Amino acid sequence: MKKALVVVTVVLLSLAFKTAFAAEGGEKDAAAEAYEHASEQATFHRLSDWFATIGKSPEEKAKMLEERRAKRAAKRAQKEIRKSQREMQRIKAQEGSGAIRERQKSRQRPRTRTRPRTRTR
C-alpha cells in the first residue's frame, strides 16, 4: 500500500510540474526564461550596489548605479566578443585542418609496387 501511495504521489507531482519544464513549438522553457536576464539583476549585484550607495544622495545613487550597470554591460559585451572570437578560431582551425589534409592526400604519390622490397647483400 505504501508503494502504491508513493507511486501515485510521484506521478501527480510530475504532472503538476510538467508545465514548468515543457516548451512547445520552439518556445522558451522556464529555465531559458530564467537565465535570459539572470546576470543583469543578480542578487550579488544588487547587494553590492546597495553597499556602494549607502549614505549617498539620490542623485549620487542614480549616477553610481548607472555607471556600475554600464561597466557590467561593457564586461558582458567583451565576454561575448571573446566567445565569438574563440568560436571563429575553432571553426577556422577545423576548416584549415580539413584543407591541409586534403592537400596532403592530393600530394601523395600513388603506390605502384605490389611486392615488398627485399634486401640483396
Protein backbone atom coordinates (compact mmCIF):
# COMPACT_ATOMS: atom_id res chain seq x y z
CA MET A 1 0.00 0.00 0.00
CA LYS A 2 2.84 2.36 0.83
CA LYS A 3 4.50 1.71 -2.52
CA ALA A 4 1.29 2.48 -4.38
CA LEU A 5 0.86 5.71 -2.43
CA VAL A 6 4.43 6.75 -3.24
CA VAL A 7 3.95 5.95 -6.94
CA VAL A 8 0.69 7.92 -7.11
CA THR A 9 2.31 10.88 -5.33
CA VAL A 10 5.29 10.89 -7.71
CA VAL A 11 3.03 10.72 -10.76
CA LEU A 12 0.84 13.56 -9.53
CA LEU A 13 3.85 15.74 -8.72
CA SER A 14 5.43 15.05 -12.10
CA LEU A 15 2.19 16.01 -13.85
CA ALA A 16 1.91 19.17 -11.76
CA PHE A 17 5.45 20.34 -12.63
CA LYS A 18 5.38 19.21 -16.25
CA THR A 19 4.08 22.59 -17.41
CA ALA A 20 7.05 24.35 -15.85
CA PHE A 21 9.55 22.30 -17.84
CA ALA A 22 7.76 21.71 -21.12
CA ALA A 23 8.16 24.09 -24.05
CA GLU A 24 6.01 23.65 -27.12
CA GLY A 25 6.88 24.62 -30.67
CA GLY A 26 10.20 26.38 -30.13
CA GLU A 27 9.02 28.47 -27.21
CA LYS A 28 11.44 29.16 -24.40
CA ASP A 29 11.06 26.90 -21.42
CA ALA A 30 11.09 28.11 -17.84
CA ALA A 31 14.83 27.65 -17.40
CA ALA A 32 15.69 29.62 -20.56
CA GLU A 33 13.46 32.49 -19.47
CA ALA A 34 15.05 32.48 -16.03
CA TYR A 35 18.60 32.60 -17.39
CA GLU A 36 17.82 35.25 -20.01
CA HIS A 37 18.21 38.19 -17.63
CA ALA A 38 19.80 36.44 -14.68
CA SER A 39 23.09 38.31 -14.72
CA GLU A 40 21.51 41.76 -15.03
CA GLN A 41 19.68 41.74 -11.70
CA ALA A 42 21.58 39.09 -9.79
CA THR A 43 21.37 39.22 -6.02
CA PHE A 44 25.09 39.83 -5.52
CA HIS A 45 24.96 42.78 -7.98
CA ARG A 46 22.03 44.32 -6.14
CA LEU A 47 23.68 43.71 -2.79
CA SER A 48 26.99 45.25 -3.86
CA ASP A 49 25.12 48.21 -5.37
CA TRP A 50 23.28 48.67 -2.10
CA PHE A 51 26.53 48.67 -0.10
CA ALA A 52 28.12 51.09 -2.56
CA THR A 53 25.25 53.57 -2.32
CA ILE A 54 24.67 53.59 1.43
CA GLY A 55 24.61 57.17 2.69
CA LYS A 56 24.63 58.77 -0.75
CA SER A 57 22.19 61.36 -2.02
CA PRO A 58 19.59 60.19 -4.57
CA GLU A 59 21.48 61.91 -7.41
CA GLU A 60 24.75 60.25 -6.43
CA LYS A 61 22.99 56.90 -6.10
CA ALA A 62 21.46 57.17 -9.55
CA LYS A 63 24.77 58.20 -11.11
CA MET A 64 26.70 55.45 -9.34
CA LEU A 65 24.17 52.76 -10.23
CA GLU A 66 24.17 53.81 -13.87
CA GLU A 67 27.98 53.69 -14.00
CA ARG A 68 28.03 50.24 -12.41
CA ARG A 69 25.39 48.95 -14.86
CA ALA A 70 27.36 50.37 -17.78
CA LYS A 71 30.54 48.66 -16.57
CA ARG A 72 28.68 45.35 -16.27
CA ALA A 73 27.19 45.74 -19.74
CA ALA A 74 30.63 46.50 -21.20
CA LYS A 75 32.09 43.49 -19.45
CA ARG A 76 29.29 41.25 -20.81
CA ALA A 77 29.85 42.63 -24.31
CA GLN A 78 33.60 41.93 -24.10
CA LYS A 79 32.85 38.42 -22.89
CA GLU A 80 30.53 37.83 -25.85
CA ILE A 81 33.18 39.17 -28.25
CA ARG A 82 35.82 36.85 -26.79
CA LYS A 83 33.39 33.96 -27.01
CA SER A 84 32.63 34.66 -30.67
CA GLN A 85 36.34 35.05 -31.46
CA ARG A 86 37.11 31.69 -29.89
CA GLU A 87 34.27 30.16 -31.88
CA MET A 88 35.61 31.66 -35.11
CA GLN A 89 39.12 30.39 -34.35
CA ARG A 90 37.72 26.94 -33.69
CA ILE A 91 35.83 27.00 -36.99
CA LYS A 92 38.89 28.22 -38.89
CA ALA A 93 41.04 25.54 -37.27
CA GLN A 94 38.57 22.87 -38.31
CA GLU A 95 38.39 24.22 -41.86
CA GLY A 96 42.15 24.66 -42.01
CA SER A 97 42.94 21.17 -40.79
CA GLY A 98 40.48 19.72 -43.29
CA ALA A 99 42.05 21.68 -46.16
CA ILE A 100 45.55 20.66 -45.10
CA ARG A 101 44.54 17.01 -45.03
CA GLU A 102 43.03 17.29 -48.48
CA ARG A 103 46.21 18.89 -49.86
CA GLN A 104 48.36 16.22 -48.26
CA LYS A 105 46.21 13.48 -49.74
CA SER A 106 46.43 15.01 -53.20
CA ARG A 107 50.24 15.37 -52.97
CA GLN A 108 50.87 11.76 -52.02
CA ARG A 109 52.17 9.60 -54.82
CA PRO A 110 50.14 6.57 -55.58
CA ARG A 111 51.84 3.34 -54.64
CA THR A 112 52.80 1.29 -57.62
CA ARG A 113 54.75 -1.50 -56.01
CA THR A 114 52.84 -4.56 -55.05
CA ARG A 115 55.71 -6.61 -53.64
CA PRO A 116 57.69 -5.65 -50.57
CA ARG A 117 61.32 -4.79 -51.20
CA THR A 118 63.88 -7.45 -50.43
CA ARG A 119 67.41 -6.75 -49.40
CA THR A 120 70.17 -8.16 -51.55
CA ARG A 121 73.51 -8.40 -49.83
